[in-house]
C-alpha atoms as a PDB file:
ATOM      1  CA  MET A   1      26.075 144.782  70.557  1.00  0.00           C
ATOM      2  CA  ILE A   2      25.400 144.561  74.203  1.00  0.00           C
ATOM      3  CA  GLU A   3      23.480 147.871  75.646  1.00  0.00           C
ATOM      4  CA  ILE A   4      23.540 148.334  79.045  1.00  0.00           C
ATOM      5  CA  CYS A   5      20.374 150.691  79.769  1.00  0.00           C
ATOM      6  CA  ASN A   6      19.983 152.963  82.531  1.00  0.00           C
ATOM      7  CA  ILE A   7      21.052 150.406  85.321  1.00  0.00           C
ATOM      8  CA  SER A   8      20.427 150.975  89.156  1.00  0.00           C
ATOM      9  CA  THR A   9      21.103 148.617  91.878  1.00  0.00           C
ATOM     10  CA  LYS A  10      20.140 149.320  95.851  1.00  0.00           C
ATOM     11  CA  ILE A  11      21.030 147.154  98.531  1.00  0.00           C
ATOM     12  CA  HIS A  12      19.545 148.049 101.953  1.00  0.00           C
ATOM     13  CA  ASP A  13      17.752 150.992 100.501  1.00  0.00           C
ATOM     14  CA  LYS A  14      21.274 152.524 100.072  1.00  0.00           C
ATOM     15  CA  MET A  15      22.008 153.433  96.296  1.00  0.00           C
ATOM     16  CA  ILE A  16      24.601 151.247  95.154  1.00  0.00           C
ATOM     17  CA  ILE A  17      24.922 152.154  91.354  1.00  0.00           C
ATOM     18  CA  GLU A  18      22.796 154.872  89.597  1.00  0.00           C
ATOM     19  CA  ASP A  19      21.679 155.230  86.041  1.00  0.00           C
ATOM     20  CA  ILE A  20      24.391 153.449  83.946  1.00  0.00           C
ATOM     21  CA  SER A  21      24.584 153.417  80.360  1.00  0.00           C
ATOM     22  CA  PHE A  22      26.806 152.331  78.022  1.00  0.00           C
ATOM     23  CA  GLU A  23      27.757 150.079  75.126  1.00  0.00           C
ATOM     24  CA  ILE A  24      29.591 146.534  74.663  1.00  0.00           C
ATOM     25  CA  GLU A  25      30.855 146.053  71.213  1.00  0.00           C
ATOM     26  CA  ASP A  26      31.668 142.745  70.204  1.00  0.00           C
ATOM     27  CA  GLY A  27      35.546 142.475  69.807  1.00  0.00           C
ATOM     28  CA  GLN A  28      36.293 145.437  72.700  1.00  0.00           C
ATOM     29  CA  MET A  29      37.612 145.326  76.315  1.00  0.00           C
ATOM     30  CA  ILE A  30      36.397 147.574  78.451  1.00  0.00           C
ATOM     31  CA  MET A  31      38.413 148.160  81.858  1.00  0.00           C
ATOM     32  CA  LEU A  32      36.258 149.309  84.611  1.00  0.00           C
ATOM     33  CA  LEU A  33      38.288 152.083  86.895  1.00  0.00           C
ATOM     34  CA  GLY A  34      37.698 153.431  90.231  1.00  0.00           C
ATOM     35  CA  GLU A  35      38.153 153.676  93.355  1.00  0.00           C
ATOM     36  CA  ASN A  36      37.033 151.085  96.187  1.00  0.00           C
ATOM     37  CA  GLY A  37      33.065 151.010  96.799  1.00  0.00           C
ATOM     38  CA  CYS A  38      32.539 153.433  93.462  1.00  0.00           C
ATOM     39  CA  GLY A  39      30.564 150.105  92.298  1.00  0.00           C
ATOM     40  CA  LYS A  40      32.395 148.348  89.988  1.00  0.00           C
ATOM     41  CA  THR A  41      31.825 144.793  91.645  1.00  0.00           C
ATOM     42  CA  THR A  42      28.258 145.559  91.594  1.00  0.00           C
ATOM     43  CA  LEU A  43      27.963 146.719  88.410  1.00  0.00           C
ATOM     44  CA  ILE A  44      29.069 143.573  86.957  1.00  0.00           C
ATOM     45  CA  LYS A  45      26.759 141.749  89.627  1.00  0.00           C
ATOM     46  CA  SER A  46      23.804 143.298  88.297  1.00  0.00           C
ATOM     47  CA  LEU A  47      24.558 142.472  84.367  1.00  0.00           C
ATOM     48  CA  LEU A  48      24.094 139.008  85.391  1.00  0.00           C
ATOM     49  CA  GLY A  49      20.914 139.713  86.411  1.00  0.00           C
ATOM     50  CA  HIS A  50      20.936 137.221  89.591  1.00  0.00           C
ATOM     51  CA  LEU A  51      23.218 138.221  92.046  1.00  0.00           C
ATOM     52  CA  VAL A  52      21.673 141.518  93.180  1.00  0.00           C
ATOM     53  CA  PRO A  53      18.813 143.025  92.513  1.00  0.00           C
ATOM     54  CA  ALA A  54      18.964 145.920  89.672  1.00  0.00           C
ATOM     55  CA  LYS A  55      16.314 148.073  87.842  1.00  0.00           C
ATOM     56  CA  GLY A  56      17.192 148.857  84.012  1.00  0.00           C
ATOM     57  CA  THR A  57      17.339 146.902  81.376  1.00  0.00           C
ATOM     58  CA  ILE A  58      20.690 144.979  79.397  1.00  0.00           C
ATOM     59  CA  LEU A  59      19.568 144.318  75.866  1.00  0.00           C
ATOM     60  CA  ALA A  60      21.687 141.794  73.475  1.00  0.00           C
ATOM     61  CA  ASP A  61      21.105 142.427  69.654  1.00  0.00           C
ATOM     62  CA  ASN A  62      18.028 144.579  70.777  1.00  0.00           C
ATOM     63  CA  LYS A  63      17.018 141.287  72.725  1.00  0.00           C
ATOM     64  CA  ASP A  64      16.181 141.639  76.551  1.00  0.00           C
ATOM     65  CA  ILE A  65      18.158 139.317  78.409  1.00  0.00           C
ATOM     66  CA  GLY A  66      15.698 139.418  81.554  1.00  0.00           C
ATOM     67  CA  GLN A  67      13.531 137.552  79.367  1.00  0.00           C
ATOM     68  CA  MET A  68      15.841 134.831  78.508  1.00  0.00           C
ATOM     69  CA  THR A  69      16.597 131.207  79.564  1.00  0.00           C
ATOM     70  CA  TRP A  70      19.615 130.320  81.473  1.00  0.00           C
ATOM     71  CA  ARG A  71      21.343 128.921  78.743  1.00  0.00           C
ATOM     72  CA  GLN A  72      20.274 131.734  76.673  1.00  0.00           C
ATOM     73  CA  LYS A  73      21.699 134.399  79.450  1.00  0.00           C
ATOM     74  CA  ALA A  74      24.963 131.757  79.548  1.00  0.00           C
ATOM     75  CA  ALA A  75      25.486 132.558  75.643  1.00  0.00           C
ATOM     76  CA  VAL A  76      25.765 136.238  76.062  1.00  0.00           C
ATOM     77  CA  PHE A  77      27.538 136.441  79.550  1.00  0.00           C
ATOM     78  CA  SER A  78      30.148 134.593  81.530  1.00  0.00           C
ATOM     79  CA  TYR A  79      31.743 135.472  84.764  1.00  0.00           C
ATOM     80  CA  LEU A  80      34.448 135.745  86.600  1.00  0.00           C
ATOM     81  CA  PRO A  81      33.976 136.559  90.440  1.00  0.00           C
ATOM     82  CA  GLN A  82      36.575 137.986  92.971  1.00  0.00           C
ATOM     83  CA  ILE A  83      36.045 135.155  95.698  1.00  0.00           C
ATOM     84  CA  LYS A  84      36.387 131.886  94.463  1.00  0.00           C
ATOM     85  CA  SER A  85      34.967 128.629  96.357  1.00  0.00           C
ATOM     86  CA  ILE A  86      37.034 125.854  97.236  1.00  0.00           C
ATOM     87  CA  VAL A  87      35.987 121.886  96.975  1.00  0.00           C
ATOM     88  CA  ASP A  88      38.556 120.105  98.120  1.00  0.00           C
ATOM     89  CA  ASP A  89      38.483 116.702  96.059  1.00  0.00           C
ATOM     90  CA  ILE A  90      37.861 118.049  92.169  1.00  0.00           C
ATOM     91  CA  ARG A  91      40.719 118.340  89.483  1.00  0.00           C
ATOM     92  CA  CYS A  92      41.517 121.479  87.850  1.00  0.00           C
ATOM     93  CA  TRP A  93      40.068 120.677  84.256  1.00  0.00           C
ATOM     94  CA  GLU A  94      36.681 119.111  85.663  1.00  0.00           C
ATOM     95  CA  VAL A  95      36.734 122.618  87.382  1.00  0.00           C
ATOM     96  CA  VAL A  96      37.477 124.709  83.713  1.00  0.00           C
ATOM     97  CA  ILE A  97      35.016 122.130  81.598  1.00  0.00           C
ATOM     98  CA  SER A  98      32.367 123.210  84.418  1.00  0.00           C
ATOM     99  CA  GLY A  99      32.465 126.003  81.985  1.00  0.00           C
ATOM    100  CA  ARG A 100      30.777 123.910  79.276  1.00  0.00           C
ATOM    101  CA  SER A 101      27.768 123.414  81.109  1.00  0.00           C
ATOM    102  CA  ARG A 102      25.354 125.441  78.877  1.00  0.00           C
ATOM    103  CA  PHE A 103      26.015 123.221  75.921  1.00  0.00           C
ATOM    104  CA  MET A 104      24.631 119.945  77.743  1.00  0.00           C
ATOM    105  CA  LYS A 105      21.231 118.067  78.845  1.00  0.00           C
ATOM    106  CA  CYS A 106      20.385 117.945  82.551  1.00  0.00           C
ATOM    107  CA  PHE A 107      22.474 114.616  83.629  1.00  0.00           C
ATOM    108  CA  GLN A 108      24.796 114.609  80.717  1.00  0.00           C
ATOM    109  CA  LEU A 109      28.582 114.154  80.916  1.00  0.00           C
ATOM    110  CA  PRO A 110      31.215 116.395  79.129  1.00  0.00           C
ATOM    111  CA  SER A 111      32.099 114.552  75.818  1.00  0.00           C
ATOM    112  CA  ILE A 112      35.936 114.272  75.319  1.00  0.00           C
ATOM    113  CA  ALA A 113      35.520 117.063  72.928  1.00  0.00           C
ATOM    114  CA  ASP A 114      34.516 119.256  75.610  1.00  0.00           C
ATOM    115  CA  LYS A 115      37.343 117.829  77.760  1.00  0.00           C
ATOM    116  CA  ALA A 116      39.729 118.495  74.674  1.00  0.00           C
ATOM    117  CA  LYS A 117      38.736 122.087  74.451  1.00  0.00           C
ATOM    118  CA  ALA A 118      39.147 122.314  78.442  1.00  0.00           C
ATOM    119  CA  ILE A 119      42.881 121.180  78.072  1.00  0.00           C
ATOM    120  CA  LYS A 120      43.055 123.478  75.316  1.00  0.00           C
ATOM    121  CA  ILE A 121      42.507 126.838  76.868  1.00  0.00           C
ATOM    122  CA  MET A 122      44.518 125.668  79.931  1.00  0.00           C
ATOM    123  CA  GLU A 123      47.226 125.172  77.058  1.00  0.00           C
ATOM    124  CA  LYS A 124      46.679 128.963  75.976  1.00  0.00           C
ATOM    125  CA  PHE A 125      47.837 129.977  80.220  1.00  0.00           C
ATOM    126  CA  LYS A 126      50.324 127.797  80.409  1.00  0.00           C
ATOM    127  CA  ILE A 127      48.445 125.632  83.387  1.00  0.00           C
ATOM    128  CA  ALA A 128      48.047 122.476  81.235  1.00  0.00           C
ATOM    129  CA  HIS A 129      50.463 120.590  83.556  1.00  0.00           C
ATOM    130  CA  LEU A 130      48.054 121.581  86.760  1.00  0.00           C
ATOM    131  CA  ALA A 131      44.877 119.573  84.941  1.00  0.00           C
ATOM    132  CA  GLU A 132      44.843 116.322  87.490  1.00  0.00           C
ATOM    133  CA  LYS A 133      45.624 118.563  90.223  1.00  0.00           C
ATOM    134  CA  LYS A 134      43.213 118.696  93.044  1.00  0.00           C
ATOM    135  CA  ILE A 135      42.437 122.779  93.453  1.00  0.00           C
ATOM    136  CA  SER A 136      43.300 122.381  96.796  1.00  0.00           C
ATOM    137  CA  GLU A 137      46.869 121.487  95.958  1.00  0.00           C
ATOM    138  CA  ILE A 138      47.121 124.646  93.877  1.00  0.00           C
ATOM    139  CA  SER A 139      48.561 128.372  94.667  1.00  0.00           C
ATOM    140  CA  GLY A 140      45.896 131.292  94.415  1.00  0.00           C
ATOM    141  CA  GLY A 141      47.058 132.951  91.109  1.00  0.00           C
ATOM    142  CA  GLN A 142      47.025 129.425  89.408  1.00  0.00           C
ATOM    143  CA  LEU A 143      43.442 128.758  90.704  1.00  0.00           C
ATOM    144  CA  GLN A 144      42.960 131.757  89.322  1.00  0.00           C
ATOM    145  CA  LEU A 145      43.970 131.295  86.360  1.00  0.00           C
ATOM    146  CA  VAL A 146      41.830 127.420  86.660  1.00  0.00           C
ATOM    147  CA  TYR A 147      38.516 130.380  87.005  1.00  0.00           C
ATOM    148  CA  LEU A 148      39.659 132.082  84.034  1.00  0.00           C
ATOM    149  CA  CYS A 149      39.615 129.284  81.957  1.00  0.00           C
ATOM    150  CA  ARG A 150      36.941 128.261  82.784  1.00  0.00           C
ATOM    151  CA  SER A 151      35.004 131.607  81.961  1.00  0.00           C
ATOM    152  CA  PHE A 152      37.100 131.509  78.656  1.00  0.00           C
ATOM    153  CA  VAL A 153      35.311 128.079  77.996  1.00  0.00           C
ATOM    154  CA  GLN A 154      31.886 128.872  78.507  1.00  0.00           C
ATOM    155  CA  GLU A 155      32.506 130.614  74.457  1.00  0.00           C
ATOM    156  CA  ALA A 156      29.599 133.724  75.793  1.00  0.00           C
ATOM    157  CA  ARG A 157      29.873 136.617  73.926  1.00  0.00           C
ATOM    158  CA  CYS A 158      31.008 138.893  76.903  1.00  0.00           C
ATOM    159  CA  ILE A 159      33.190 137.720  79.460  1.00  0.00           C
ATOM    160  CA  LEU A 160      32.760 139.742  82.917  1.00  0.00           C
ATOM    161  CA  MET A 161      36.049 139.358  85.409  1.00  0.00           C
ATOM    162  CA  ASP A 162      35.861 141.151  89.017  1.00  0.00           C
ATOM    163  CA  GLU A 163      39.621 142.308  89.712  1.00  0.00           C
ATOM    164  CA  PRO A 164      40.844 139.051  87.789  1.00  0.00           C
ATOM    165  CA  CYS A 165      44.436 139.784  88.278  1.00  0.00           C
ATOM    166  CA  THR A 166      44.216 139.433  91.772  1.00  0.00           C
ATOM    167  CA  TYR A 167      46.607 137.116  93.009  1.00  0.00           C
ATOM    168  CA  LEU A 168      48.379 136.889  89.711  1.00  0.00           C
ATOM    169  CA  ASP A 169      52.482 137.937  90.029  1.00  0.00           C
ATOM    170  CA  PHE A 170      53.574 140.624  87.040  1.00  0.00           C
ATOM    171  CA  TYR A 171      54.498 138.247  84.574  1.00  0.00           C
ATOM    172  CA  LYS A 172      50.918 136.266  85.207  1.00  0.00           C
ATOM    173  CA  GLN A 173      48.940 139.594  84.802  1.00  0.00           C
ATOM    174  CA  HIS A 174      50.660 140.141  81.482  1.00  0.00           C
ATOM    175  CA  LEU A 175      49.926 136.646  80.120  1.00  0.00           C
ATOM    176  CA  PHE A 176      46.427 136.472  80.741  1.00  0.00           C
ATOM    177  CA  LEU A 177      45.703 140.272  79.743  1.00  0.00           C
ATOM    178  CA  LYS A 178      47.563 139.494  76.037  1.00  0.00           C
ATOM    179  CA  GLN A 179      45.603 136.502  76.330  1.00  0.00           C
ATOM    180  CA  ALA A 180      42.718 138.375  76.496  1.00  0.00           C
ATOM    181  CA  GLN A 181      43.648 140.335  73.846  1.00  0.00           C
ATOM    182  CA  ASN A 182      43.372 137.508  71.455  1.00  0.00           C
ATOM    183  CA  MET A 183      40.228 136.227  72.903  1.00  0.00           C
ATOM    184  CA  VAL A 184      38.635 139.715  72.084  1.00  0.00           C
ATOM    185  CA  LYS A 185      40.536 139.884  68.354  1.00  0.00           C
ATOM    186  CA  GLU A 186      38.853 136.401  67.682  1.00  0.00           C
ATOM    187  CA  GLY A 187      35.325 138.619  67.966  1.00  0.00           C
ATOM    188  CA  TYR A 188      34.638 138.155  71.921  1.00  0.00           C
ATOM    189  CA  SER A 189      33.782 140.993  74.360  1.00  0.00           C
ATOM    190  CA  ILE A 190      35.655 141.707  78.000  1.00  0.00           C
ATOM    191  CA  LEU A 191      34.318 143.715  80.760  1.00  0.00           C
ATOM    192  CA  LEU A 192      37.156 143.659  83.134  1.00  0.00           C
ATOM    193  CA  SER A 193      37.095 145.682  86.350  1.00  0.00           C
ATOM    194  CA  ILE A 194      40.744 146.598  87.588  1.00  0.00           C
ATOM    195  CA  HIS A 195      42.771 148.707  90.151  1.00  0.00           C
ATOM    196  CA  ASP A 196      46.070 149.177  87.238  1.00  0.00           C
ATOM    197  CA  PRO A 197      45.713 152.190  85.324  1.00  0.00           C
ATOM    198  CA  GLN A 198      48.850 151.546  83.464  1.00  0.00           C
ATOM    199  CA  LEU A 199      47.730 148.043  82.855  1.00  0.00           C
ATOM    200  CA  ALA A 200      43.687 149.473  81.615  1.00  0.00           C
ATOM    201  CA  LEU A 201      45.674 152.208  79.402  1.00  0.00           C
ATOM    202  CA  LYS A 202      48.207 149.055  78.112  1.00  0.00           C
ATOM    203  CA  TYR A 203      45.396 146.462  77.162  1.00  0.00           C
ATOM    204  CA  GLY A 204      41.977 147.984  76.986  1.00  0.00           C
ATOM    205  CA  ASP A 205      40.376 149.820  74.090  1.00  0.00           C
ATOM    206  CA  ARG A 206      37.827 151.740  76.153  1.00  0.00           C
ATOM    207  CA  ILE A 207      37.803 152.580  79.555  1.00  0.00           C
ATOM    208  CA  ILE A 208      34.841 153.228  81.874  1.00  0.00           C
ATOM    209  CA  PHE A 209      35.931 155.203  85.224  1.00  0.00           C
ATOM    210  CA  MET A 210      33.460 154.992  87.768  1.00  0.00           C
ATOM    211  CA  HIS A 211      32.693 157.271  90.469  1.00  0.00           C
ATOM    212  CA  GLN A 212      30.780 157.111  93.791  1.00  0.00           C
ATOM    213  CA  GLY A 213      28.139 154.631  91.846  1.00  0.00           C
ATOM    214  CA  ARG A 214      27.706 156.887  88.734  1.00  0.00           C
ATOM    215  CA  ILE A 215      30.096 156.595  85.381  1.00  0.00           C
ATOM    216  CA  GLU A 216      32.339 159.473  85.448  1.00  0.00           C
ATOM    217  CA  ALA A 217      33.706 159.152  82.519  1.00  0.00           C
ATOM    218  CA  LYS A 218      33.700 157.217  79.327  1.00  0.00           C
ATOM    219  CA  LEU A 219      37.669 157.018  77.229  1.00  0.00           C
ATOM    220  CA  ASP A 220      38.300 155.089  73.854  1.00  0.00           C
ATOM    221  CA  LYS A 221      41.629 154.797  72.816  1.00  0.00           C
ATOM    222  CA  LYS A 222      40.716 155.392  69.261  1.00  0.00           C
ATOM    223  CA  ASP A 223      40.017 159.212  70.478  1.00  0.00           C
ATOM    224  CA  GLY A 224      43.725 159.287  71.969  1.00  0.00           C
ATOM    225  CA  ASN A 225      45.350 161.093  74.659  1.00  0.00           C
ATOM    226  CA  MET A 226      43.591 158.087  77.099  1.00  0.00           C
ATOM    227  CA  SER A 227      46.452 158.472  79.442  1.00  0.00           C
ATOM    228  CA  GLU A 228      46.298 162.863  80.206  1.00  0.00           C
ATOM    229  CA  LYS A 229      42.620 162.113  79.839  1.00  0.00           C
ATOM    230  CA  LEU A 230      43.224 159.349  82.720  1.00  0.00           C
ATOM    231  CA  LYS A 231      45.096 161.534  84.672  1.00  0.00           C
ATOM    232  CA  ALA A 232      42.894 163.981  84.968  1.00  0.00           C
ATOM    233  CA  ILE A 233      40.210 162.420  85.602  1.00  0.00           C
ATOM    234  CA  TYR A 234      42.436 160.847  88.975  1.00  0.00           C
ATOM    235  CA  GLN A 235      43.245 164.351  89.760  1.00  0.00           C
ATOM    236  CA  LYS A 236      40.017 165.841  90.014  1.00  0.00           C
ATOM    237  CA  ILE A 237      38.600 162.903  92.399  1.00  0.00           C
ATOM    238  CA  TYR A 238      42.274 163.358  94.183  1.00  0.00           C
ATOM    239  CA  PRO A 239      43.454 167.103  93.873  1.00  0.00           C
ATOM    240  CA  GLU A 240      45.721 166.571  97.108  1.00  0.00           C
ATOM    241  CA  GLN A 241      47.861 164.243  95.378  1.00  0.00           C
ATOM    242  CA  LYS A 242      50.294 164.300  92.829  1.00  0.00           C
ATOM    243  CA  ILE A 243      48.992 161.812  89.784  1.00  0.00           C
ATOM    244  CA  GLU A 244      51.567 159.682  87.614  1.00  0.00           C
ATOM    245  CA  ILE A 245      50.179 158.018  85.135  1.00  0.00           C
ATOM    246  CA  GLY A 246      51.481 156.279  81.366  1.00  0.00           C
ATOM    247  CA  GLY A 247      54.860 156.862  79.984  1.00  0.00           C
END
């Protein structure tokens, strides 16, 4: 289990997230919902420990990840950011295989087995035909899937994803989330920020709803009535709107 304990982040003297605590169990997909600017991206970056300054403690099996080496941290979390950097002359399989770096020594080249793992995960997401293409030659949606594959091939126990369905069409959103469910069944955990409550309800085991830098509610599918509870949260935050969720 990964425990997030009292995480707070202040940027330029402004509190962005405050006193966030929850657990990430192995084999669960947790959906992070909330309006723009509520702190979802900041929370995900805070968990990584190096992208934004944060106070609080993160424990992986009761071990403080703040005391871990980068390789040990890379075995706990992998990260799929919103915005991707582009290197024109790198091929798609090379982007994916870079997720294997935690298994390599300095200056070590990827092995044949590493490349096989990269191609296998690309096959799962139906983009193996892009392996030899340069990333400057593919669409934004395809690029998103390439980076998704890189996050999976790292084999971290928890994958942090910041709006991974951005740029994906309807079919690929569901393809990705179904494949993510398969990874969860293998024991991985996923914390995924998303805007669509319908997708969160369909694929999430739990929902954490953020509002104004704090956790507004925690919902668990096993407790039942998830859609009605989520509708009530949206209605509380947006009382002037008629909210339709579920069905």
